[in-house]
Amino acid sequence: MKRFLASVALGALMIGAAPAAWAETPDNQLIVATTMSNILTLDPAAITGRETVQVLNNLYDTLVTLSPEDRSIQPRMAESWDVAEDRMSITFHLRKDAKFASGNPVTADDVVWSLKRVMTLNLAQASFLKSRGVTAENAAEHFIADDANTFTFKLAKPDDPAMILMILAQNGPGSILDSKTVLENEKDGDQGQAWLTLNSAGSGPYVLTKWASNEYIILTKSDNYWGTAPAMDRVLMRHLPESQSQRLMLEKGDIDVAYSMQAPDLTALEKDEHIKIASTPGAGFYYLSVSMKDERFANPKVREALRLLIDYEGLDKAVMPYYGKLHQRPLTTGVLGQLPDQGYKLDVAKAKELLAEAGYPNGFKTTLRVLSEDPFIKAATAIQNTLAQAGIQAEMITGSGDQIYGAMRERNFELLVGRGGGGQQPHPDSNLRALAYNPDNADEAKLTNYQGWRTSYYDAKLNEMIEAALLERDAAKQKTDYEEIQNYMDKTVTSIIPFSEVVDSAAFRSDIEGLTVNPWLTRFETVTKTR
């Protein structure tokens, strides 16, 4: 019965559309296929995962936004902002014409309430501002409504204001909610949490009409949107976890966009003139990591050997298309100070020399943990084979995310092929704190958000370099600082060895224009159909 009702709902969505062939979606509706398994709530304070952010970007506004073209900081709900000379506060000047979907005006009080709510609920999205020193207890000191259209963020500690702006640009920690509407739907002091799981209260171009968990989401154009009205009156996002199903429906014209297709199906569509495929740099890297608790991998010569036992070009051509792009530096493409790749290549002979110098002329046995899905398993298999060429016999241990990354969080692994490394904020600090920074290497510290801690990697000098670069006020000097950090990490060979940068890919019908592929930045308001 549940499936039947879902079909009825989807059919009802199409009623009233202009007559069209079965293999063509309505002109005024966008039909999107994606994976919704990770969408557990639509409350901005509680969400996790890029799939949910992709939905929220169309329901809520933030003070500023990141340009899909170059990820530069652009105005959104704030028309302008001023950074204090001491860099300890940022004052935002809000649009005066903006309204929520309810018709209520967007005010600085709504901004304050929304940010305080994130901190007091202390759910998933609180971590971003907690990492900058804001807590539920001190939030009132840092979020100030100067008047109806002026909001000031007082920094909790010295920081780079650009990093604060990038966090506030992200839906989740930076979503601005209609406080009046949410409080009208509050139950037992939950600040509207139960209601917001299935409803929206934003000022974005769309409102949430219906969410059927792991089935579909329907977004409808907001009558009170302050910006240019979207061309698409409705957006239907369908849960289609099977890549082949997405491919077949896209080929038939039953959907407009496929957001979570696997590489083989994307490759199969490359010659279809009715379909376009686009890729864009995502967030994070694919990497080989080592545990520094293991005396073998604590030896820098062994880590240097491992770095030469990866067939970077082979992986890039055979395994990583539509998943990642060859990348060896610890910084996201295009961020301040990012250096060109070092150009490392598979060099078994040199790796053997290094292993012999480290005391392992015949190699050794170890374990290699990896997720049992593509591209991880294929990348790990390739690395397993090249390690063997130098005498390193790596037994593969496969499993789910909880099993593989769980072992990493428990610091109970030897080698691991994984994905991560920040990058949601296009700032070097986002990558470096995720990949190498570790303020406390004790087991009891449980700093599981830091890859440095997970891998038991601790370098006091590198910690100081990362902290100093973040606070450097001269832009040219800050750029130089980040270049020096990369060179230092290259010289010392850290516990994370990137081999590919994550890319986000999407396939869509050739009549679709204005689509943003990056799910962290997707806004369907710019999409049109040229028919």
Protein backbone atom coordinates (compact mmCIF):
# COMPACT_ATOMS: atom_id res chain seq x y z
CA MET A 1 0.00 0.00 0.00
CA LYS A 2 2.86 2.38 0.81
CA ARG A 3 4.37 1.96 -2.65
CA PHE A 4 0.96 2.37 -4.26
CA LEU A 5 0.35 5.63 -2.42
CA ALA A 6 3.78 6.89 -3.42
CA SER A 7 2.94 6.20 -7.05
CA VAL A 8 -0.36 8.06 -6.69
CA ALA A 9 1.47 11.04 -5.20
CA LEU A 10 4.00 11.10 -8.02
CA GLY A 11 1.24 10.82 -10.58
CA ALA A 12 -0.63 13.69 -8.97
CA LEU A 13 2.46 15.82 -9.33
CA MET A 14 2.24 15.51 -13.10
CA ILE A 15 -1.45 16.47 -13.34
CA GLY A 16 -1.96 19.86 -14.90
CA ALA A 17 1.28 19.74 -16.88
CA ALA A 18 1.13 20.37 -20.60
CA PRO A 19 0.59 17.16 -22.58
CA ALA A 20 3.91 15.55 -23.44
CA ALA A 21 5.28 12.28 -24.67
CA TRP A 22 5.94 9.72 -21.96
CA ALA A 23 9.64 10.08 -22.56
CA GLU A 24 9.73 13.79 -21.75
CA THR A 25 9.34 15.44 -18.38
CA PRO A 26 7.03 18.47 -17.97
CA ASP A 27 8.51 21.79 -19.10
CA ASN A 28 7.95 23.45 -15.73
CA GLN A 29 9.12 20.61 -13.48
CA LEU A 30 12.57 19.23 -12.76
CA ILE A 31 12.81 15.50 -12.07
CA VAL A 32 15.99 14.57 -10.23
CA ALA A 33 17.27 11.11 -9.33
CA THR A 34 19.54 10.80 -6.33
CA THR A 35 20.27 8.65 -3.28
CA MET A 36 18.40 9.56 -0.11
CA SER A 37 19.61 6.89 2.31
CA ASN A 38 21.57 9.51 4.27
CA ILE A 39 18.67 11.97 4.50
CA LEU A 40 17.38 11.35 8.02
CA THR A 41 15.93 14.79 8.79
CA LEU A 42 15.50 18.16 7.08
CA ASP A 43 16.06 20.18 10.25
CA PRO A 44 19.08 22.36 9.36
CA ALA A 45 20.58 21.97 12.83
CA ALA A 46 20.53 18.18 12.69
CA ILE A 47 21.34 17.26 9.09
CA THR A 48 24.35 15.29 7.90
CA GLY A 49 25.71 14.62 4.42
CA ARG A 50 25.86 16.44 1.13
CA GLU A 51 22.60 14.94 -0.14
CA THR A 52 20.70 16.78 2.59
CA VAL A 53 22.60 20.02 2.04
CA GLN A 54 21.58 19.78 -1.62
CA VAL A 55 17.92 19.88 -0.55
CA LEU A 56 18.39 22.63 2.05
CA ASN A 57 20.12 24.93 -0.45
CA ASN A 58 16.75 25.31 -2.15
CA LEU A 59 14.74 25.90 1.03
CA TYR A 60 16.93 28.18 3.12
CA ASP A 61 19.21 31.15 2.63
CA THR A 62 22.48 31.93 4.36
CA LEU A 63 24.11 35.31 5.01
CA VAL A 64 26.64 34.73 2.25
CA THR A 65 27.11 32.01 -0.34
CA LEU A 66 29.91 30.40 -2.32
CA SER A 67 29.97 30.91 -6.06
CA PRO A 68 29.58 27.60 -7.95
CA GLU A 69 32.12 28.85 -10.49
CA ASP A 70 35.10 29.63 -8.26
CA ARG A 71 33.76 29.16 -4.70
CA SER A 72 34.41 32.80 -3.87
CA ILE A 73 32.30 34.39 -1.12
CA GLN A 74 29.28 36.22 -2.53
CA PRO A 75 26.32 38.13 -0.97
CA ARG A 76 23.11 36.22 -0.25
CA MET A 77 20.89 37.37 2.62
CA ALA A 78 23.56 39.94 3.52
CA GLU A 79 24.05 42.57 0.81
CA SER A 80 27.40 43.52 2.32
CA TRP A 81 29.56 42.95 5.38
CA ASP A 82 32.40 44.68 7.21
CA VAL A 83 35.30 43.03 9.02
CA ALA A 84 36.54 44.99 12.04
CA GLU A 85 40.11 46.26 11.96
CA ASP A 86 41.08 43.90 14.78
CA ARG A 87 39.40 41.03 12.85
CA MET A 88 37.39 40.09 15.94
CA SER A 89 33.93 40.87 14.53
CA ILE A 90 32.03 40.82 11.24
CA THR A 91 28.99 43.05 10.73
CA PHE A 92 26.42 42.00 8.12
CA HIS A 93 23.95 44.36 6.43
CA LEU A 94 20.84 42.39 5.49
CA ARG A 95 18.58 42.79 2.49
CA LYS A 96 15.51 44.82 3.38
CA ASP A 97 13.23 43.21 0.81
CA ALA A 98 13.65 39.58 1.83
CA LYS A 99 10.74 37.54 3.15
CA PHE A 100 10.33 34.01 4.36
CA ALA A 101 7.93 31.67 2.56
CA SER A 102 5.36 32.57 5.25
CA GLY A 103 5.52 36.23 4.26
CA ASN A 104 7.31 37.21 7.47
CA PRO A 105 10.24 39.61 6.91
CA VAL A 106 13.78 38.29 7.38
CA THR A 107 15.37 40.18 10.27
CA ALA A 108 18.60 40.17 12.24
CA ASP A 109 16.63 38.65 15.13
CA ASP A 110 15.92 35.63 12.91
CA VAL A 111 19.64 35.31 12.18
CA VAL A 112 20.51 35.44 15.88
CA TRP A 113 17.78 32.96 16.79
CA SER A 114 18.80 30.54 14.04
CA LEU A 115 22.48 30.49 14.99
CA LYS A 116 21.70 30.22 18.71
CA ARG A 117 19.36 27.32 17.94
CA VAL A 118 22.16 25.39 16.23
CA MET A 119 24.36 25.79 19.30
CA THR A 120 21.72 25.10 21.98
CA LEU A 121 20.39 21.97 20.26
CA ASN A 122 24.04 20.86 19.99
CA LEU A 123 23.37 18.44 17.13
CA ALA A 124 25.51 17.59 14.10
CA GLN A 125 25.81 21.10 12.66
CA ALA A 126 26.99 22.68 15.93
CA SER A 127 30.49 21.29 15.39
CA PHE A 128 31.43 23.93 12.79
CA LEU A 129 31.04 26.91 15.12
CA LYS A 130 32.11 24.96 18.21
CA SER A 131 35.45 24.48 16.47
CA ARG A 132 35.72 28.29 16.32
CA GLY A 133 35.05 28.68 20.06
CA VAL A 134 31.29 29.31 20.12
CA THR A 135 29.21 27.26 22.58
CA ALA A 136 25.61 27.08 23.71
CA GLU A 137 26.65 28.91 26.88
CA ASN A 138 28.40 31.85 25.19
CA ALA A 139 26.34 32.10 21.98
CA ALA A 140 24.49 35.23 23.16
CA GLU A 141 27.83 37.03 23.44
CA HIS A 142 28.77 36.31 19.84
CA PHE A 143 25.48 36.69 17.91
CA ILE A 144 24.19 40.28 18.09
CA ALA A 145 21.20 41.95 16.37
CA ASP A 146 22.25 45.62 16.17
CA ASP A 147 18.95 46.57 14.52
CA ALA A 148 16.35 44.92 12.29
CA ASN A 149 18.72 44.70 9.33
CA THR A 150 22.16 44.56 10.94
CA PHE A 151 23.76 41.49 12.49
CA THR A 152 27.18 41.24 14.12
CA PHE A 153 29.16 38.05 14.67
CA LYS A 154 31.73 38.59 17.43
CA LEU A 155 34.50 36.03 17.08
CA ALA A 156 35.16 33.87 20.12
CA LYS A 157 38.92 33.80 19.51
CA PRO A 158 41.43 35.08 16.95
CA ASP A 159 40.63 33.48 13.60
CA ASP A 160 40.62 34.12 9.87
CA PRO A 161 37.35 35.95 9.11
CA ALA A 162 37.29 34.27 5.69
CA MET A 163 36.92 30.92 7.43
CA ILE A 164 33.98 32.21 9.48
CA LEU A 165 32.30 33.50 6.31
CA MET A 166 32.75 30.14 4.61
CA ILE A 167 31.09 28.34 7.52
CA LEU A 168 28.18 30.79 7.51
CA ALA A 169 27.82 30.21 3.76
CA GLN A 170 27.00 26.55 4.35
CA ASN A 171 23.41 25.44 4.85
CA GLY A 172 23.24 23.67 8.15
CA PRO A 173 25.34 25.84 10.45
CA GLY A 174 24.42 28.98 8.49
CA SER A 175 20.75 28.38 7.60
CA ILE A 176 18.44 31.29 8.47
CA LEU A 177 15.07 30.14 9.81
CA ASP A 178 11.73 31.89 10.19
CA SER A 179 11.79 32.02 13.99
CA LYS A 180 8.14 33.02 14.31
CA THR A 181 6.87 30.12 12.19
CA VAL A 182 9.15 27.59 13.86
CA LEU A 183 8.14 28.65 17.37
CA GLU A 184 4.47 28.42 16.40
CA ASN A 185 5.18 24.73 15.77
CA GLU A 186 7.32 24.10 18.84
CA LYS A 187 6.45 21.14 21.07
CA ASP A 188 7.71 20.62 24.60
CA GLY A 189 10.52 23.12 24.16
CA ASP A 190 12.09 21.32 21.18
CA GLN A 191 12.58 24.60 19.24
CA GLY A 192 10.57 23.11 16.40
CA GLN A 193 12.86 20.15 15.88
CA ALA A 194 10.10 17.59 15.33
CA TRP A 195 8.18 19.89 12.97
CA LEU A 196 11.27 20.83 10.94
CA THR A 197 12.04 17.19 10.29
CA LEU A 198 9.27 17.19 7.68
CA ASN A 199 8.65 20.90 7.05
CA SER A 200 10.61 23.96 5.99
CA ALA A 201 10.69 27.54 7.28
CA GLY A 202 13.12 29.35 5.05
CA SER A 203 13.41 32.21 2.59
CA GLY A 204 14.76 30.14 -0.31
CA PRO A 205 13.27 29.79 -3.80
CA TYR A 206 11.34 26.64 -2.86
CA VAL A 207 9.31 25.26 0.03
CA LEU A 208 9.11 21.65 1.13
CA THR A 209 5.79 20.20 0.01
CA LYS A 210 6.36 16.53 0.82
CA TRP A 211 9.11 14.21 1.96
CA ALA A 212 8.50 10.46 1.91
CA SER A 213 11.62 8.94 3.45
CA ASN A 214 13.69 6.93 0.96
CA GLU A 215 11.08 7.54 -1.75
CA TYR A 216 10.82 11.15 -2.89
CA ILE A 217 10.96 14.84 -1.99
CA ILE A 218 8.73 17.46 -3.62
CA LEU A 219 9.75 21.12 -3.63
CA THR A 220 7.33 23.84 -4.78
CA LYS A 221 8.21 27.37 -5.89
CA SER A 222 7.82 29.92 -3.09
CA ASP A 223 5.37 32.75 -3.80
CA ASN A 224 7.32 35.04 -1.48
CA TYR A 225 10.84 34.44 -2.78
CA TRP A 226 12.81 37.69 -2.78
CA GLY A 227 14.98 36.77 -5.78
CA THR A 228 14.24 36.01 -9.43
CA ALA A 229 11.47 33.43 -9.62
CA PRO A 230 12.72 29.96 -10.61
CA ALA A 231 11.77 28.67 -14.05
CA MET A 232 10.88 25.31 -12.53
CA ASP A 233 7.58 25.47 -10.63
CA ARG A 234 8.30 22.18 -8.88
CA VAL A 235 11.25 19.90 -8.27
CA LEU A 236 10.71 16.19 -7.73
CA MET A 237 13.71 14.42 -6.21
CA ARG A 238 13.40 10.65 -6.45
CA HIS A 239 15.27 8.08 -4.40
CA LEU A 240 16.88 5.77 -6.96
CA PRO A 241 19.84 4.07 -5.27
CA GLU A 242 20.58 1.76 -8.19
CA SER A 243 22.84 3.42 -10.72
CA GLN A 244 21.58 1.34 -13.62
CA SER A 245 17.99 2.40 -12.89
CA GLN A 246 19.05 6.04 -13.04
CA ARG A 247 20.82 5.42 -16.33
CA LEU A 248 17.84 3.70 -17.96
CA MET A 249 15.38 6.37 -16.82
CA LEU A 250 17.68 9.14 -18.01
CA GLU A 251 18.05 7.48 -21.41
CA LYS A 252 14.26 7.18 -21.72
CA GLY A 253 13.73 10.80 -20.67
CA ASP A 254 11.77 9.88 -17.53
CA ILE A 255 14.14 11.96 -15.39
CA ASP A 256 16.06 15.16 -16.12
CA VAL A 257 19.08 14.74 -13.86
CA ALA A 258 20.94 11.78 -12.32
CA TYR A 259 23.11 12.76 -9.37
CA SER A 260 24.47 9.49 -8.00
CA MET A 261 25.38 7.27 -10.92
CA GLN A 262 28.36 4.96 -10.82
CA ALA A 263 31.31 5.37 -13.17
CA PRO A 264 30.46 2.42 -15.50
CA ASP A 265 26.99 3.83 -16.19
CA LEU A 266 28.33 7.34 -16.71
CA THR A 267 30.89 5.96 -19.14
CA ALA A 268 28.14 4.15 -21.03
CA LEU A 269 26.32 7.47 -21.54
CA GLU A 270 29.28 9.39 -22.93
CA LYS A 271 28.24 8.89 -26.57
CA ASP A 272 24.54 9.63 -26.07
CA GLU A 273 23.89 12.97 -27.81
CA HIS A 274 20.79 13.55 -25.70
CA ILE A 275 22.73 13.47 -22.44
CA LYS A 276 25.43 15.67 -20.94
CA ILE A 277 27.88 14.65 -18.22
CA ALA A 278 29.65 17.19 -16.02
CA SER A 279 32.20 16.85 -13.22
CA THR A 280 33.48 19.39 -10.73
CA PRO A 281 35.98 19.28 -7.83
CA GLY A 282 34.23 18.10 -4.68
CA ALA A 283 35.36 18.05 -1.07
CA GLY A 284 38.23 15.91 0.15
CA PHE A 285 40.61 13.31 -1.20
CA TYR A 286 41.06 9.59 -1.72
CA TYR A 287 44.15 8.51 0.17
CA LEU A 288 46.36 5.78 1.58
CA SER A 289 46.82 6.25 5.32
CA VAL A 290 49.12 4.63 7.85
CA SER A 291 48.98 4.20 11.61
CA MET A 292 51.96 5.82 13.30
CA LYS A 293 51.42 3.50 16.25
CA ASP A 294 52.98 0.80 14.07
CA GLU A 295 56.77 1.18 14.34
CA ARG A 296 57.18 0.28 10.68
CA PHE A 297 55.04 3.16 9.50
CA ALA A 298 56.46 5.54 12.10
CA ASN A 299 59.68 5.25 10.07
CA PRO A 300 59.68 8.08 7.48
CA LYS A 301 61.62 5.97 4.99
CA VAL A 302 58.83 3.39 4.99
CA ARG A 303 56.24 6.11 4.43
CA GLU A 304 58.36 7.51 1.62
CA ALA A 305 58.51 4.03 0.08
CA LEU A 306 54.73 3.70 0.30
CA ARG A 307 54.38 7.01 -1.51
CA LEU A 308 56.37 5.53 -4.40
CA LEU A 309 54.34 2.31 -4.45
CA ILE A 310 51.16 3.93 -5.74
CA ASP A 311 50.51 3.90 -9.49
CA TYR A 312 48.97 7.36 -9.57
CA GLU A 313 48.49 7.56 -13.33
CA GLY A 314 47.19 4.00 -13.57
CA LEU A 315 44.61 4.65 -10.85
CA ASP A 316 43.59 7.92 -12.47
CA LYS A 317 42.94 6.27 -15.83
CA ALA A 318 41.53 2.88 -14.83
CA VAL A 319 39.77 3.35 -11.48
CA MET A 320 39.03 6.98 -10.65
CA PRO A 321 37.17 8.49 -13.65
CA TYR A 322 33.99 10.21 -12.35
CA TYR A 323 35.13 9.53 -8.76
CA GLY A 324 38.32 11.54 -8.51
CA LYS A 325 41.12 13.29 -10.33
CA LEU A 326 44.87 12.74 -9.88
CA HIS A 327 45.97 14.90 -6.96
CA GLN A 328 48.91 14.60 -4.56
CA ARG A 329 48.81 17.77 -2.47
CA PRO A 330 46.85 18.07 0.82
CA LEU A 331 44.98 21.20 -0.33
CA THR A 332 41.83 21.42 -2.43
CA THR A 333 42.25 22.67 -5.99
CA GLY A 334 42.09 26.45 -6.18
CA VAL A 335 42.47 27.33 -2.49
CA LEU A 336 44.97 29.91 -1.33
CA GLY A 337 48.58 28.79 -1.74
CA GLN A 338 47.87 25.41 -3.33
CA LEU A 339 51.03 24.18 -5.04
CA PRO A 340 51.19 22.04 -8.19
CA ASP A 341 51.46 18.30 -7.62
CA GLN A 342 54.92 16.95 -6.89
CA GLY A 343 54.70 14.51 -9.80
CA TYR A 344 55.24 11.29 -7.85
CA LYS A 345 55.09 8.12 -9.95
CA LEU A 346 55.28 4.41 -9.28
CA ASP A 347 58.97 3.64 -8.61
CA VAL A 348 59.39 0.13 -7.25
CA ALA A 349 63.19 0.15 -7.42
CA LYS A 350 63.51 3.33 -5.35
CA ALA A 351 60.88 2.06 -2.90
CA LYS A 352 62.90 -1.14 -2.38
CA GLU A 353 66.00 0.94 -1.62
CA LEU A 354 64.11 2.94 0.99
CA LEU A 355 62.67 -0.20 2.59
CA ALA A 356 66.16 -1.71 2.80
CA GLU A 357 67.48 1.47 4.43
CA ALA A 358 64.62 1.25 6.92
CA GLY A 359 65.57 -2.34 7.78
CA TYR A 360 63.02 -4.19 5.64
CA PRO A 361 64.96 -5.44 2.60
CA ASN A 362 62.42 -8.21 2.03
CA GLY A 363 59.36 -6.14 2.83
CA PHE A 364 56.86 -7.26 5.48
CA LYS A 365 53.30 -8.42 6.05
CA THR A 366 50.54 -6.00 6.98
CA THR A 367 46.80 -5.40 6.64
CA LEU A 368 44.97 -2.99 4.35
CA ARG A 369 41.46 -1.90 5.36
CA VAL A 370 39.00 -0.61 2.78
CA LEU A 371 35.28 -0.11 2.15
CA SER A 372 33.75 -2.95 0.15
CA GLU A 373 32.48 -0.66 -2.62
CA ASP A 374 33.81 1.22 -5.65
CA PRO A 375 36.07 3.01 -6.14
CA PHE A 376 37.65 2.10 -2.79
CA ILE A 377 37.93 -1.63 -3.34
CA LYS A 378 39.39 -1.26 -6.84
CA ALA A 379 41.88 1.38 -5.71
CA ALA A 380 42.93 -0.74 -2.74
CA THR A 381 43.36 -3.82 -4.94
CA ALA A 382 45.62 -1.85 -7.28
CA ILE A 383 47.66 -0.53 -4.33
CA GLN A 384 47.84 -4.04 -2.85
CA ASN A 385 49.38 -5.24 -6.12
CA THR A 386 51.99 -2.49 -6.32
CA LEU A 387 52.92 -2.91 -2.65
CA ALA A 388 53.57 -6.58 -3.37
CA GLN A 389 56.11 -5.65 -6.04
CA ALA A 390 58.33 -4.32 -3.24
CA GLY A 391 57.69 -7.26 -0.91
CA ILE A 392 54.92 -5.70 1.19
CA GLN A 393 52.21 -8.35 1.51
CA ALA A 394 49.01 -6.54 2.49
CA GLU A 395 46.04 -8.66 3.54
CA MET A 396 42.82 -6.92 2.49
CA ILE A 397 40.18 -6.34 5.17
CA THR A 398 36.88 -5.09 3.73
CA GLY A 399 33.74 -3.86 5.44
CA SER A 400 31.16 -1.12 5.90
CA GLY A 401 31.90 2.47 6.81
CA ASP A 402 31.38 1.80 10.51
CA GLN A 403 33.73 -1.17 10.36
CA ILE A 404 36.51 0.47 8.37
CA TYR A 405 36.42 4.04 9.64
CA GLY A 406 35.41 2.72 13.05
CA ALA A 407 38.74 0.93 13.28
CA MET A 408 40.46 4.14 12.23
CA ARG A 409 38.61 6.14 14.90
CA GLU A 410 39.69 3.52 17.44
CA ARG A 411 43.30 3.81 16.15
CA ASN A 412 43.24 0.09 15.47
CA PHE A 413 44.54 -0.35 11.92
CA GLU A 414 47.77 -0.57 9.93
CA LEU A 415 47.05 0.62 6.38
CA LEU A 416 43.75 2.02 5.11
CA VAL A 417 42.41 3.34 1.82
CA GLY A 418 39.80 5.99 2.51
CA ARG A 419 38.27 9.33 1.62
CA GLY A 420 38.16 12.58 3.58
CA GLY A 421 40.20 15.64 4.32
CA GLY A 422 37.82 18.57 4.69
CA GLY A 423 37.29 20.96 1.82
CA GLN A 424 33.66 21.87 2.48
CA GLN A 425 35.05 25.32 3.16
CA PRO A 426 37.46 26.31 0.34
CA HIS A 427 40.17 27.39 2.77
CA PRO A 428 43.53 25.65 3.37
CA ASP A 429 42.79 25.41 7.08
CA SER A 430 39.77 23.19 6.33
CA ASN A 431 42.06 20.62 4.70
CA LEU A 432 45.03 20.90 7.03
CA ARG A 433 43.05 20.53 10.26
CA ALA A 434 41.24 17.53 8.86
CA LEU A 435 44.34 15.79 7.48
CA ALA A 436 47.36 16.66 9.64
CA TYR A 437 46.57 18.84 12.67
CA ASN A 438 46.55 17.03 16.01
CA PRO A 439 46.59 19.12 19.21
CA ASP A 440 46.59 16.12 21.58
CA ASN A 441 47.86 12.68 20.59
CA ALA A 442 46.74 10.89 23.75
CA ASP A 443 44.37 7.95 23.24
CA GLU A 444 41.97 9.39 25.79
CA ALA A 445 41.71 12.69 23.85
CA LYS A 446 39.35 10.98 21.36
CA LEU A 447 39.83 13.69 18.73
CA THR A 448 38.16 11.55 16.09
CA ASN A 449 37.40 14.49 13.76
CA TYR A 450 41.13 14.86 13.15
CA GLN A 451 42.76 12.40 10.74
CA GLY A 452 46.04 13.29 12.45
CA TRP A 453 44.73 11.90 15.73
CA ARG A 454 43.15 8.85 14.07
CA THR A 455 46.50 7.95 12.52
CA SER A 456 48.46 8.80 15.71
CA TYR A 457 50.38 11.41 13.73
CA TYR A 458 51.72 14.24 15.87
CA ASP A 459 54.07 17.01 14.74
CA ALA A 460 54.24 20.00 17.10
CA LYS A 461 56.04 22.14 14.51
CA LEU A 462 53.38 21.45 11.89
CA ASN A 463 50.63 22.28 14.42
CA GLU A 464 52.28 25.65 15.06
CA MET A 465 52.67 26.33 11.34
CA ILE A 466 48.97 25.61 10.73
CA GLU A 467 47.87 27.84 13.62
CA ALA A 468 50.15 30.70 12.54
CA ALA A 469 49.02 30.58 8.91
CA LEU A 470 45.36 30.82 9.92
CA LEU A 471 45.97 34.02 11.87
CA GLU A 472 48.33 35.70 9.38
CA ARG A 473 46.77 39.04 8.40
CA ASP A 474 48.90 39.76 5.34
CA ALA A 475 47.40 37.87 2.38
CA ALA A 476 50.71 37.46 0.54
CA LYS A 477 52.44 36.18 3.68
CA GLN A 478 49.53 33.83 4.41
CA LYS A 479 49.85 32.38 0.90
CA THR A 480 53.58 31.84 1.45
CA ASP A 481 52.87 30.21 4.82
CA TYR A 482 50.54 27.67 3.22
CA GLU A 483 53.10 26.93 0.51
CA GLU A 484 55.73 26.29 3.19
CA ILE A 485 53.35 23.97 5.04
CA GLN A 486 52.85 21.87 1.92
CA ASN A 487 56.59 21.65 1.33
CA TYR A 488 57.15 20.66 4.96
CA MET A 489 54.47 17.96 4.78
CA ASP A 490 55.99 16.68 1.55
CA LYS A 491 59.46 16.53 3.09
CA THR A 492 58.39 14.80 6.31
CA VAL A 493 55.84 12.46 4.63
CA THR A 494 52.75 12.66 6.81
CA SER A 495 50.43 9.77 7.66
CA ILE A 496 47.97 10.57 4.84
CA ILE A 497 49.10 10.10 1.23
CA PRO A 498 46.53 11.57 -1.21
CA PHE A 499 46.31 10.04 -4.67
CA SER A 500 43.08 11.58 -6.01
CA GLU A 501 40.85 14.58 -5.35
CA VAL A 502 37.13 13.87 -5.02
CA VAL A 503 35.01 15.00 -7.96
CA ASP A 504 31.23 15.24 -8.10
CA SER A 505 29.62 14.11 -11.35
CA ALA A 506 26.10 14.32 -12.73
CA ALA A 507 24.41 13.27 -15.95
CA PHE A 508 21.48 15.23 -17.33
CA ARG A 509 19.35 15.64 -20.42
CA SER A 510 20.84 17.94 -23.04
CA ASP A 511 17.97 20.44 -22.74
CA ILE A 512 18.88 21.24 -19.13
CA GLU A 513 20.77 24.51 -18.58
CA GLY A 514 22.06 26.25 -15.46
CA LEU A 515 22.55 23.11 -13.35
CA THR A 516 25.10 23.17 -10.53
CA VAL A 517 26.76 19.76 -10.23
CA ASN A 518 28.44 20.29 -6.85
CA PRO A 519 25.81 19.06 -4.32
CA TRP A 520 27.18 21.37 -1.61
CA LEU A 521 26.27 24.36 -3.81
CA THR A 522 23.23 23.17 -5.79
CA ARG A 523 20.41 25.68 -6.28
CA PHE A 524 17.67 24.63 -8.66
CA GLU A 525 16.46 28.22 -9.06
CA THR A 526 18.97 28.67 -11.92
CA VAL A 527 17.82 25.63 -13.91
CA THR A 528 15.96 26.06 -17.21
CA LYS A 529 14.85 23.75 -20.01
CA THR A 530 15.56 24.74 -23.62
CA ARG A 531 12.82 23.06 -25.64
